[in-house]
Amino acid sequence: MRKQFYIEGLHCASCVYTTEKALKTIPGITEAVVNLATGNAVVESIEKIDDAKIKDVIKGSGYQAIMEEELIKDSENHNHLKHKEINDLKIKTIFSLISAALIMFFIRNFYLQFILATIIQFWAGWEFYKATLPALRKLRANMDTLVVVGTSVAYFFSTAVVFLKYETMPYFETSTAIIALVLLGRYLEAKAKSGTGEAIKKLIGLQAKTARVVHNKKEVDIPIEEVVVGDIIRVRPGEKIPVDGVIVEGESAIDESMVTGESMPASKYKGDRVIGATMNRSGSFIYKATKVGKDTMLSQIIKLVEEAQGSKAPIQRLADIISSYFVPAVIILAISTFAGWYVFGPSPVFINAMFRAIAVLIIACPCAMGLATPTAIMVGTGIGFARAVSLLQEASPRQEPSRYVSRVRMRASCRQFWICNRNRSTLEAGARPYPRGWRPSSRLLRYLRRLRSSRPRA
């Protein structure tokens, strides 16, 4: 069984490793994949897993799970919360950058520096503490742990200098500048991640909003969510077809380029199937709904795109594995750096050792390595759909290359072609991989020959 849900609070590849490892501890789950760029998680199990159990495990790891059904019901509120989170992060980033600049260049009063640094440390930087504390209780470490340890050492040392009157300078600018720059990176990351789902949004935007259902010879417009299988629906010229179905009365020419890529409208008569989200060009007809909701062809296309964007390429899995060991290794290196400078470094040994250790903690950031691959996949598939050149491929390492599920949509010589083959047997058997009556371009034929020759026969 396959279950998909959303995880809030993911910031780095270590977060992905932590949540995947926690999900795999649930009895019955055989595979767990978490995507850093989208925040989506997919688990496969041999039996039905209770949603409450998944939520408890994710909450125990310091994150929050939102199930797919909850997202569908409250999608507007979820989107509003995501926009609010980005706006709050923007405010904290701007305030932290300004405060860090003031402490570094203008404010010389140590007590004023302490006030500003305290606000940044425990208001702007509270998200780091909130993610670190649950991880420490589980004896785990993530990128937030590095930030918390590094900035806390600088902040509490500077506080002790100010109030205990040590004969040295406080270093509030260090903790504030680190938090400000990390928040700036988080803000830019959040903006990039928010724009990677444009392909999904465009596909969802193709759906009709309402359907004209015939009840007792009366036509009533209802939301598309209320349409059920068996409803009789009338479609007039220039309207979108709400859901998939079969024509029971009338005839028309329907633009199905959204699905087939064919620019010429297809003639439809009584008994022919129609596809939801396609455009009725001429003629009015009545049809019976056969597939609604998740079962429509458009919903299946959206699901394929989500699975392609959520799947992990082998290089991404390697990056996640490296990042999972990266944080503990950095902490060990920071401790070693502190010890080395404390024993062999010049005077003042403690301050020199502390700042070298903080530099190791902060500069060693595995986020870029863990985020680069999933973000590239998201942006790549989005651009592909925007330009009508898409390759959706399930990137599961358990599958042999010859058994990859591929759906290729290519544009060549101003024409579009759909190739839908579940495995190579279609091509090997000599079956026609394109609709009857279409003449493939030389570019398409070269692609098919490469595909056939590059994969070994079973």
Protein backbone atom coordinates (compact mmCIF):
# COMPACT_ATOMS: atom_id res chain seq x y z
CA MET A 1 0.00 0.00 0.00
CA ARG A 2 1.16 3.50 -0.81
CA LYS A 3 0.48 6.61 1.28
CA GLN A 4 1.53 10.19 0.61
CA PHE A 5 1.60 13.13 3.03
CA TYR A 6 3.35 16.44 3.69
CA ILE A 7 5.98 17.14 6.37
CA GLU A 8 6.45 20.63 7.80
CA GLY A 9 9.78 21.88 9.11
CA LEU A 10 12.27 20.20 6.76
CA HIS A 11 15.38 22.36 6.28
CA CYS A 12 18.30 20.12 5.34
CA ALA A 13 19.30 16.68 4.14
CA SER A 14 19.80 15.59 7.75
CA CYS A 15 16.12 16.34 8.38
CA VAL A 16 15.26 14.05 5.45
CA TYR A 17 17.44 11.26 6.81
CA THR A 18 15.95 11.64 10.31
CA THR A 19 12.34 11.47 9.12
CA GLU A 20 12.98 8.57 6.73
CA LYS A 21 14.71 6.60 9.47
CA ALA A 22 11.86 7.32 11.90
CA LEU A 23 9.19 6.24 9.39
CA LYS A 24 11.00 2.96 8.72
CA THR A 25 10.73 2.09 12.43
CA ILE A 26 6.93 1.73 12.04
CA PRO A 27 6.05 -1.97 11.70
CA GLY A 28 4.76 -2.77 8.22
CA ILE A 29 6.51 0.05 6.34
CA THR A 30 8.93 -1.31 3.74
CA GLU A 31 10.03 1.92 2.06
CA ALA A 32 9.98 5.61 3.02
CA VAL A 33 11.03 8.47 0.72
CA VAL A 34 11.03 12.13 1.81
CA ASN A 35 11.67 14.92 -0.70
CA LEU A 36 13.40 18.01 0.68
CA ALA A 37 12.34 20.36 -2.14
CA THR A 38 8.61 19.60 -1.93
CA GLY A 39 8.28 18.42 1.68
CA ASN A 40 6.30 15.41 0.43
CA ALA A 41 6.77 11.97 1.94
CA VAL A 42 5.75 8.65 0.40
CA VAL A 43 5.65 5.39 2.34
CA GLU A 44 5.01 1.89 1.04
CA SER A 45 3.70 -0.75 3.41
CA ILE A 46 2.51 -4.35 3.35
CA GLU A 47 -0.52 -3.43 5.46
CA LYS A 48 -2.63 -0.38 6.21
CA ILE A 49 -0.84 2.09 8.49
CA ASP A 50 -2.83 4.29 10.83
CA ASP A 51 -2.41 8.02 10.13
CA ALA A 52 -2.17 8.77 13.87
CA LYS A 53 0.85 6.49 14.17
CA ILE A 54 2.64 8.29 11.32
CA LYS A 55 1.87 11.67 12.87
CA ASP A 56 3.19 10.57 16.28
CA VAL A 57 6.45 9.27 14.81
CA ILE A 58 7.02 12.45 12.78
CA LYS A 59 6.13 14.65 15.77
CA GLY A 60 8.60 12.71 17.91
CA SER A 61 11.30 13.58 15.38
CA GLY A 62 10.55 17.30 15.72
CA TYR A 63 8.37 17.80 12.63
CA GLN A 64 4.68 17.82 11.74
CA ALA A 65 2.91 15.50 9.29
CA ILE A 66 -0.16 16.65 7.32
CA MET A 67 -1.98 13.82 5.59
CA GLU A 68 -3.06 14.04 1.94
CA GLU A 69 -6.78 14.07 2.81
CA GLU A 70 -6.24 17.04 5.16
CA LEU A 71 -4.35 18.93 2.47
CA ILE A 72 -7.17 18.42 -0.04
CA LYS A 73 -9.84 19.54 2.42
CA ASP A 74 -7.93 22.56 3.68
CA SER A 75 -5.63 23.39 0.76
CA GLU A 76 -6.40 27.13 0.85
CA ASN A 77 -5.54 27.38 4.54
CA HIS A 78 -2.36 25.36 4.00
CA ASN A 79 -1.26 27.65 1.16
CA HIS A 80 -2.08 30.66 3.33
CA LEU A 81 0.09 29.28 6.14
CA LYS A 82 2.98 28.66 3.74
CA HIS A 83 2.79 32.25 2.44
CA LYS A 84 2.58 33.51 6.02
CA GLU A 85 5.64 31.45 6.94
CA ILE A 86 7.62 32.97 4.06
CA ASN A 87 6.51 36.50 5.02
CA ASP A 88 7.45 35.92 8.67
CA LEU A 89 10.83 34.61 7.57
CA LYS A 90 11.29 37.71 5.41
CA ILE A 91 10.55 40.01 8.37
CA LYS A 92 12.95 38.10 10.65
CA THR A 93 15.65 38.16 7.98
CA ILE A 94 15.41 41.91 7.37
CA PHE A 95 15.34 42.70 11.12
CA SER A 96 18.31 40.40 11.78
CA LEU A 97 20.40 41.86 8.96
CA ILE A 98 19.73 45.44 10.10
CA SER A 99 20.42 44.58 13.75
CA ALA A 100 23.65 42.76 12.87
CA ALA A 101 24.81 45.79 10.85
CA LEU A 102 23.98 48.14 13.73
CA ILE A 103 25.90 46.02 16.24
CA MET A 104 28.90 45.65 13.95
CA PHE A 105 29.28 49.27 12.78
CA PHE A 106 27.25 51.73 14.87
CA ILE A 107 26.23 50.62 18.38
CA ARG A 108 29.13 50.67 20.86
CA ASN A 109 27.09 50.31 24.05
CA PHE A 110 27.39 46.67 25.14
CA TYR A 111 24.01 46.65 26.91
CA LEU A 112 22.19 47.80 23.75
CA GLN A 113 24.10 45.14 21.83
CA PHE A 114 22.93 42.57 24.39
CA ILE A 115 19.28 43.61 23.97
CA LEU A 116 19.38 43.37 20.16
CA ALA A 117 21.34 40.12 20.23
CA THR A 118 18.85 38.57 22.69
CA ILE A 119 15.91 39.44 20.44
CA ILE A 120 17.63 37.91 17.42
CA GLN A 121 18.85 34.84 19.31
CA PHE A 122 15.52 33.85 20.86
CA TRP A 123 12.98 35.40 18.47
CA ALA A 124 14.47 35.26 14.99
CA GLY A 125 16.50 32.17 15.82
CA TRP A 126 13.86 30.32 17.82
CA GLU A 127 13.09 28.02 14.87
CA PHE A 128 16.61 26.62 15.17
CA TYR A 129 16.09 25.79 18.84
CA LYS A 130 12.64 24.33 18.15
CA ALA A 131 14.11 21.88 15.62
CA THR A 132 17.24 21.09 17.68
CA LEU A 133 15.71 20.23 21.08
CA PRO A 134 13.58 17.27 19.87
CA ALA A 135 16.54 15.99 17.84
CA LEU A 136 18.82 16.09 20.88
CA ARG A 137 16.26 14.16 22.93
CA LYS A 138 16.53 11.43 20.26
CA LEU A 139 20.35 11.75 20.27
CA ARG A 140 20.31 13.04 16.70
CA ALA A 141 21.88 16.06 15.08
CA ASN A 142 20.90 18.20 12.08
CA MET A 143 21.90 21.46 10.45
CA ASP A 144 19.95 23.42 13.08
CA THR A 145 22.15 21.80 15.73
CA LEU A 146 25.25 23.35 14.15
CA VAL A 147 23.64 26.80 14.10
CA VAL A 148 22.34 26.53 17.68
CA VAL A 149 25.66 25.33 19.11
CA GLY A 150 27.72 27.92 17.24
CA THR A 151 25.54 30.95 17.96
CA SER A 152 24.75 29.95 21.55
CA VAL A 153 28.44 29.69 22.43
CA ALA A 154 29.11 33.17 21.02
CA TYR A 155 25.97 34.66 22.64
CA PHE A 156 26.40 33.23 26.15
CA PHE A 157 30.13 33.97 26.18
CA SER A 158 29.41 37.60 25.22
CA THR A 159 26.68 37.82 27.88
CA ALA A 160 29.13 36.60 30.51
CA VAL A 161 31.67 39.19 29.36
CA VAL A 162 29.14 42.04 29.69
CA PHE A 163 27.66 41.14 33.10
CA LEU A 164 30.65 39.47 34.80
CA LYS A 165 33.03 42.23 33.65
CA TYR A 166 35.63 40.00 32.01
CA GLU A 167 38.59 41.86 30.53
CA THR A 168 37.79 41.09 26.92
CA MET A 169 35.39 42.21 24.21
CA PRO A 170 31.90 40.69 23.70
CA TYR A 171 31.15 39.14 20.33
CA PHE A 172 27.42 39.71 19.90
CA GLU A 173 27.99 40.61 16.26
CA THR A 174 29.12 37.03 15.62
CA SER A 175 25.90 35.37 16.83
CA THR A 176 23.65 37.98 15.20
CA ALA A 177 25.46 37.94 11.85
CA ILE A 178 25.40 34.12 11.71
CA ILE A 179 21.67 33.94 12.43
CA ALA A 180 20.96 36.76 9.95
CA LEU A 181 22.90 35.09 7.13
CA VAL A 182 21.43 31.63 7.80
CA LEU A 183 17.93 33.15 7.83
CA LEU A 184 18.70 34.90 4.55
CA GLY A 185 19.68 31.55 3.05
CA ARG A 186 16.48 29.97 4.43
CA TYR A 187 14.39 32.76 2.93
CA LEU A 188 15.97 32.40 -0.51
CA GLU A 189 15.55 28.62 -0.24
CA ALA A 190 11.86 28.99 0.71
CA LYS A 191 11.25 31.32 -2.25
CA ALA A 192 12.93 28.85 -4.62
CA LYS A 193 10.90 25.93 -3.24
CA SER A 194 7.64 27.88 -3.49
CA GLY A 195 8.22 28.42 -7.21
CA THR A 196 9.08 24.81 -8.04
CA GLY A 197 5.45 23.64 -7.97
CA GLU A 198 4.30 25.80 -10.89
CA ALA A 199 3.84 22.76 -13.15
CA ILE A 200 1.35 21.23 -10.70
CA LYS A 201 -0.49 24.54 -10.28
CA LYS A 202 -0.84 24.95 -14.06
CA LEU A 203 -2.22 21.43 -14.43
CA ILE A 204 -4.69 21.95 -11.60
CA GLY A 205 -5.74 25.24 -13.22
CA LEU A 206 -6.88 23.32 -16.31
CA GLN A 207 -9.81 21.83 -14.39
CA ALA A 208 -13.30 23.22 -14.78
CA LYS A 209 -14.72 24.82 -11.63
CA THR A 210 -18.37 23.83 -12.08
CA ALA A 211 -20.50 21.28 -13.92
CA ARG A 212 -23.99 21.73 -15.42
CA VAL A 213 -25.82 18.63 -14.11
CA VAL A 214 -29.26 17.64 -15.46
CA HIS A 215 -31.73 16.69 -12.69
CA ASN A 216 -35.39 16.04 -13.51
CA LYS A 217 -34.98 17.82 -16.86
CA LYS A 218 -33.57 20.87 -15.05
CA GLU A 219 -29.99 22.06 -15.44
CA VAL A 220 -28.19 23.01 -12.23
CA ASP A 221 -24.62 24.34 -11.93
CA ILE A 222 -22.78 22.62 -9.07
CA PRO A 223 -19.11 22.63 -7.95
CA ILE A 224 -17.04 19.99 -9.68
CA GLU A 225 -16.25 18.41 -6.29
CA GLU A 226 -19.95 17.47 -5.92
CA VAL A 227 -20.16 15.56 -9.21
CA VAL A 228 -20.58 11.80 -8.72
CA VAL A 229 -20.32 8.86 -11.08
CA GLY A 230 -23.54 8.49 -13.08
CA ASP A 231 -24.49 12.19 -13.17
CA ILE A 232 -25.83 13.47 -16.51
CA ILE A 233 -23.96 16.61 -17.57
CA ARG A 234 -24.60 19.08 -20.40
CA VAL A 235 -21.68 20.84 -22.08
CA ARG A 236 -22.20 23.85 -24.36
CA PRO A 237 -19.87 25.25 -27.04
CA GLY A 238 -16.78 26.96 -25.63
CA GLU A 239 -17.02 25.26 -22.23
CA LYS A 240 -14.57 22.90 -20.57
CA ILE A 241 -15.64 19.33 -19.97
CA PRO A 242 -15.81 18.91 -16.18
CA VAL A 243 -15.02 15.19 -15.74
CA ASP A 244 -14.43 12.06 -17.82
CA GLY A 245 -17.48 10.35 -19.30
CA VAL A 246 -19.39 8.91 -22.28
CA ILE A 247 -21.65 10.90 -24.64
CA VAL A 248 -25.29 9.84 -24.45
CA GLU A 249 -26.83 12.55 -26.65
CA GLY A 250 -25.51 14.96 -29.28
CA GLU A 251 -22.19 15.35 -31.07
CA SER A 252 -19.37 17.86 -31.09
CA ALA A 253 -15.74 18.64 -31.99
CA ILE A 254 -13.49 18.63 -28.91
CA ASP A 255 -10.02 20.10 -28.56
CA GLU A 256 -7.99 17.34 -26.84
CA SER A 257 -4.57 18.89 -27.41
CA MET A 258 -4.09 19.06 -23.64
CA VAL A 259 -3.91 15.24 -23.63
CA THR A 260 -2.96 14.10 -27.14
CA GLY A 261 -1.03 17.10 -28.44
CA GLU A 262 -3.15 17.04 -31.61
CA SER A 263 -4.04 20.59 -32.63
CA MET A 264 -7.08 19.60 -34.72
CA PRO A 265 -10.34 19.08 -32.77
CA ALA A 266 -11.54 15.48 -32.56
CA SER A 267 -15.10 14.65 -33.67
CA LYS A 268 -17.15 12.97 -30.95
CA TYR A 269 -20.47 11.15 -31.33
CA LYS A 270 -22.88 9.20 -29.16
CA GLY A 271 -21.03 6.46 -27.28
CA ASP A 272 -17.60 8.14 -27.58
CA ARG A 273 -15.53 8.88 -24.48
CA VAL A 274 -14.69 12.45 -23.49
CA ILE A 275 -11.89 13.59 -21.19
CA GLY A 276 -12.23 16.10 -18.37
CA ALA A 277 -10.52 19.52 -18.75
CA THR A 278 -10.60 19.32 -22.59
CA MET A 279 -12.40 22.10 -24.50
CA ASN A 280 -15.69 21.69 -26.33
CA ARG A 281 -15.31 23.68 -29.57
CA SER A 282 -18.63 23.29 -31.37
CA GLY A 283 -21.92 21.60 -30.67
CA SER A 284 -23.77 20.91 -27.47
CA PHE A 285 -23.98 17.42 -26.02
CA ILE A 286 -25.02 15.50 -22.91
CA TYR A 287 -22.80 12.87 -21.40
CA LYS A 288 -22.69 10.53 -18.40
CA ALA A 289 -19.91 10.93 -15.84
CA THR A 290 -17.81 7.75 -15.52
CA LYS A 291 -14.75 9.01 -13.63
CA VAL A 292 -14.62 11.83 -11.06
CA GLY A 293 -12.13 13.20 -8.55
CA LYS A 294 -8.86 11.29 -8.39
CA ASP A 295 -9.93 8.86 -11.11
CA THR A 296 -10.06 11.37 -13.98
CA MET A 297 -7.28 11.41 -16.57
CA LEU A 298 -6.14 14.91 -15.54
CA SER A 299 -5.86 13.81 -11.90
CA GLN A 300 -3.79 10.83 -13.00
CA ILE A 301 -1.48 13.12 -15.01
CA ILE A 302 -1.10 15.39 -11.97
CA LYS A 303 -0.30 12.33 -9.85
CA LEU A 304 2.37 11.25 -12.35
CA VAL A 305 3.99 14.70 -12.23
CA GLU A 306 3.95 14.68 -8.40
CA GLU A 307 5.50 11.22 -8.32
CA ALA A 308 8.18 12.26 -10.82
CA GLN A 309 9.03 15.36 -8.78
CA GLY A 310 8.89 13.47 -5.49
CA SER A 311 10.99 10.48 -6.56
CA LYS A 312 14.68 10.38 -5.75
CA ALA A 313 17.38 9.96 -8.35
CA PRO A 314 20.34 7.74 -7.32
CA ILE A 315 22.64 10.77 -6.97
CA GLN A 316 20.14 12.36 -4.59
CA ARG A 317 20.08 9.24 -2.42
CA LEU A 318 23.88 9.33 -2.28
CA ALA A 319 23.78 13.01 -1.24
CA ASP A 320 21.28 12.22 1.53
CA ILE A 321 23.47 9.40 2.87
CA ILE A 322 26.56 11.63 2.91
CA SER A 323 24.65 14.46 4.59
CA SER A 324 23.36 12.12 7.32
CA TYR A 325 26.95 11.48 8.46
CA PHE A 326 28.07 15.01 7.73
CA VAL A 327 26.64 16.76 10.81
CA PRO A 328 28.17 14.41 13.41
CA ALA A 329 31.49 14.60 11.56
CA VAL A 330 31.38 18.41 11.63
CA ILE A 331 30.70 18.44 15.39
CA ILE A 332 33.67 16.12 15.97
CA LEU A 333 35.87 18.36 13.78
CA ALA A 334 34.73 21.47 15.68
CA ILE A 335 35.61 19.87 19.02
CA SER A 336 38.98 18.80 17.65
CA THR A 337 39.58 22.32 16.29
CA PHE A 338 38.76 23.86 19.68
CA ALA A 339 41.08 21.43 21.49
CA GLY A 340 43.93 21.97 19.02
CA TRP A 341 43.77 25.78 19.18
CA TYR A 342 43.31 25.72 22.95
CA VAL A 343 46.45 23.64 23.44
CA PHE A 344 48.71 24.96 20.69
CA GLY A 345 47.17 28.32 19.73
CA PRO A 346 48.38 31.84 20.60
CA SER A 347 46.99 33.94 23.42
CA PRO A 348 44.14 34.54 24.19
CA VAL A 349 43.78 30.79 23.64
CA PHE A 350 40.12 30.40 24.68
CA ILE A 351 38.78 33.13 22.36
CA ASN A 352 40.87 31.95 19.40
CA ALA A 353 39.83 28.34 19.95
CA MET A 354 36.15 29.28 20.37
CA PHE A 355 35.94 31.27 17.15
CA ARG A 356 37.75 28.64 15.10
CA ALA A 357 35.33 26.01 16.38
CA ILE A 358 32.34 28.26 15.60
CA ALA A 359 33.69 28.82 12.07
CA VAL A 360 33.84 25.05 11.47
CA LEU A 361 30.27 24.59 12.78
CA ILE A 362 28.70 27.34 10.72
CA ILE A 363 30.56 27.16 7.42
CA ALA A 364 30.08 23.40 7.06
CA CYS A 365 26.51 23.46 5.74
CA PRO A 366 25.15 20.31 4.07
CA CYS A 367 21.95 22.06 2.96
CA ALA A 368 23.23 23.03 -0.49
CA MET A 369 24.31 19.46 -1.25
CA GLY A 370 21.03 17.98 -0.06
CA LEU A 371 18.77 20.57 -1.70
CA ALA A 372 20.46 20.97 -5.10
CA THR A 373 19.30 17.69 -6.68
CA PRO A 374 15.62 17.73 -5.65
CA THR A 375 15.30 21.40 -6.58
CA ALA A 376 16.85 20.71 -10.00
CA ILE A 377 14.36 17.86 -10.56
CA MET A 378 11.44 20.09 -9.56
CA VAL A 379 12.50 23.00 -11.77
CA GLY A 380 13.38 20.68 -14.66
CA THR A 381 10.02 18.91 -14.73
CA GLY A 382 8.25 22.27 -14.39
CA ILE A 383 10.08 23.73 -17.39
CA GLY A 384 9.48 20.51 -19.31
CA PHE A 385 5.72 20.76 -18.92
CA ALA A 386 5.78 24.46 -19.72
CA ARG A 387 7.52 23.71 -23.05
CA ALA A 388 5.60 20.48 -23.75
CA VAL A 389 8.75 18.34 -23.64
CA SER A 390 8.35 16.10 -20.60
CA LEU A 391 9.96 12.96 -19.35
CA LEU A 392 8.39 11.40 -16.27
CA GLN A 393 10.32 8.55 -14.84
CA GLU A 394 10.03 6.63 -11.61
CA ALA A 395 13.56 6.82 -10.21
CA SER A 396 13.46 3.82 -7.92
CA PRO A 397 16.77 2.01 -7.42
CA ARG A 398 14.91 -1.27 -6.96
CA GLN A 399 13.84 -1.23 -10.60
CA GLU A 400 16.01 -2.35 -13.49
CA PRO A 401 16.66 0.37 -16.11
CA SER A 402 14.80 -1.70 -18.72
CA ARG A 403 11.67 -1.63 -16.56
CA TYR A 404 11.52 2.10 -15.93
CA VAL A 405 8.01 3.44 -16.37
CA SER A 406 8.41 6.16 -18.98
CA ARG A 407 6.00 8.59 -20.47
CA VAL A 408 7.57 10.84 -23.03
CA ARG A 409 5.93 13.80 -24.65
CA MET A 410 8.00 15.24 -27.46
CA ARG A 411 7.54 18.15 -29.75
CA ALA A 412 9.26 17.74 -33.11
CA SER A 413 8.70 19.58 -36.39
CA CYS A 414 5.85 21.57 -34.84
CA ARG A 415 4.00 18.34 -33.91
CA GLN A 416 3.47 16.66 -30.56
CA PHE A 417 3.53 12.93 -29.93
CA TRP A 418 2.69 10.84 -26.90
CA ILE A 419 4.61 7.66 -26.30
CA CYS A 420 3.14 5.56 -23.50
CA ASN A 421 4.93 2.28 -22.86
CA ARG A 422 5.07 0.45 -19.55
CA ASN A 423 8.21 -1.48 -20.60
CA ARG A 424 10.30 -2.33 -23.63
CA SER A 425 8.06 -5.19 -24.73
CA THR A 426 5.92 -2.77 -26.74
CA LEU A 427 8.89 -1.66 -28.81
CA GLU A 428 10.47 -5.12 -29.03
CA ALA A 429 7.24 -6.67 -30.26
CA GLY A 430 7.13 -4.14 -33.07
CA ALA A 431 3.92 -2.50 -31.84
CA ARG A 432 3.16 1.04 -32.95
CA PRO A 433 4.29 3.41 -30.10
CA TYR A 434 2.39 6.39 -31.56
CA PRO A 435 -1.28 6.89 -32.50
CA ARG A 436 -2.43 5.35 -35.76
CA GLY A 437 -2.38 7.76 -38.70
CA TRP A 438 0.46 9.91 -37.35
CA ARG A 439 3.79 10.01 -39.17
CA PRO A 440 6.70 10.27 -36.72
CA SER A 441 9.54 12.67 -37.42
CA SER A 442 13.11 11.50 -37.96
CA ARG A 443 14.02 12.93 -34.56
CA LEU A 444 11.42 10.76 -32.86
CA LEU A 445 12.55 7.65 -34.75
CA ARG A 446 16.19 8.25 -33.75
CA TYR A 447 15.10 8.53 -30.12
CA LEU A 448 13.21 5.21 -30.31
CA ARG A 449 16.20 3.45 -31.89
CA ARG A 450 18.52 4.73 -29.14
CA LEU A 451 16.02 3.64 -26.50
CA ARG A 452 15.85 0.14 -27.97
CA SER A 453 19.59 -0.31 -28.48
CA SER A 454 20.67 1.14 -25.12
CA ARG A 455 18.71 -1.29 -22.95
CA PRO A 456 19.71 -4.98 -22.81
CA ARG A 457 17.07 -7.56 -23.59
CA ALA A 458 15.77 -9.61 -20.68
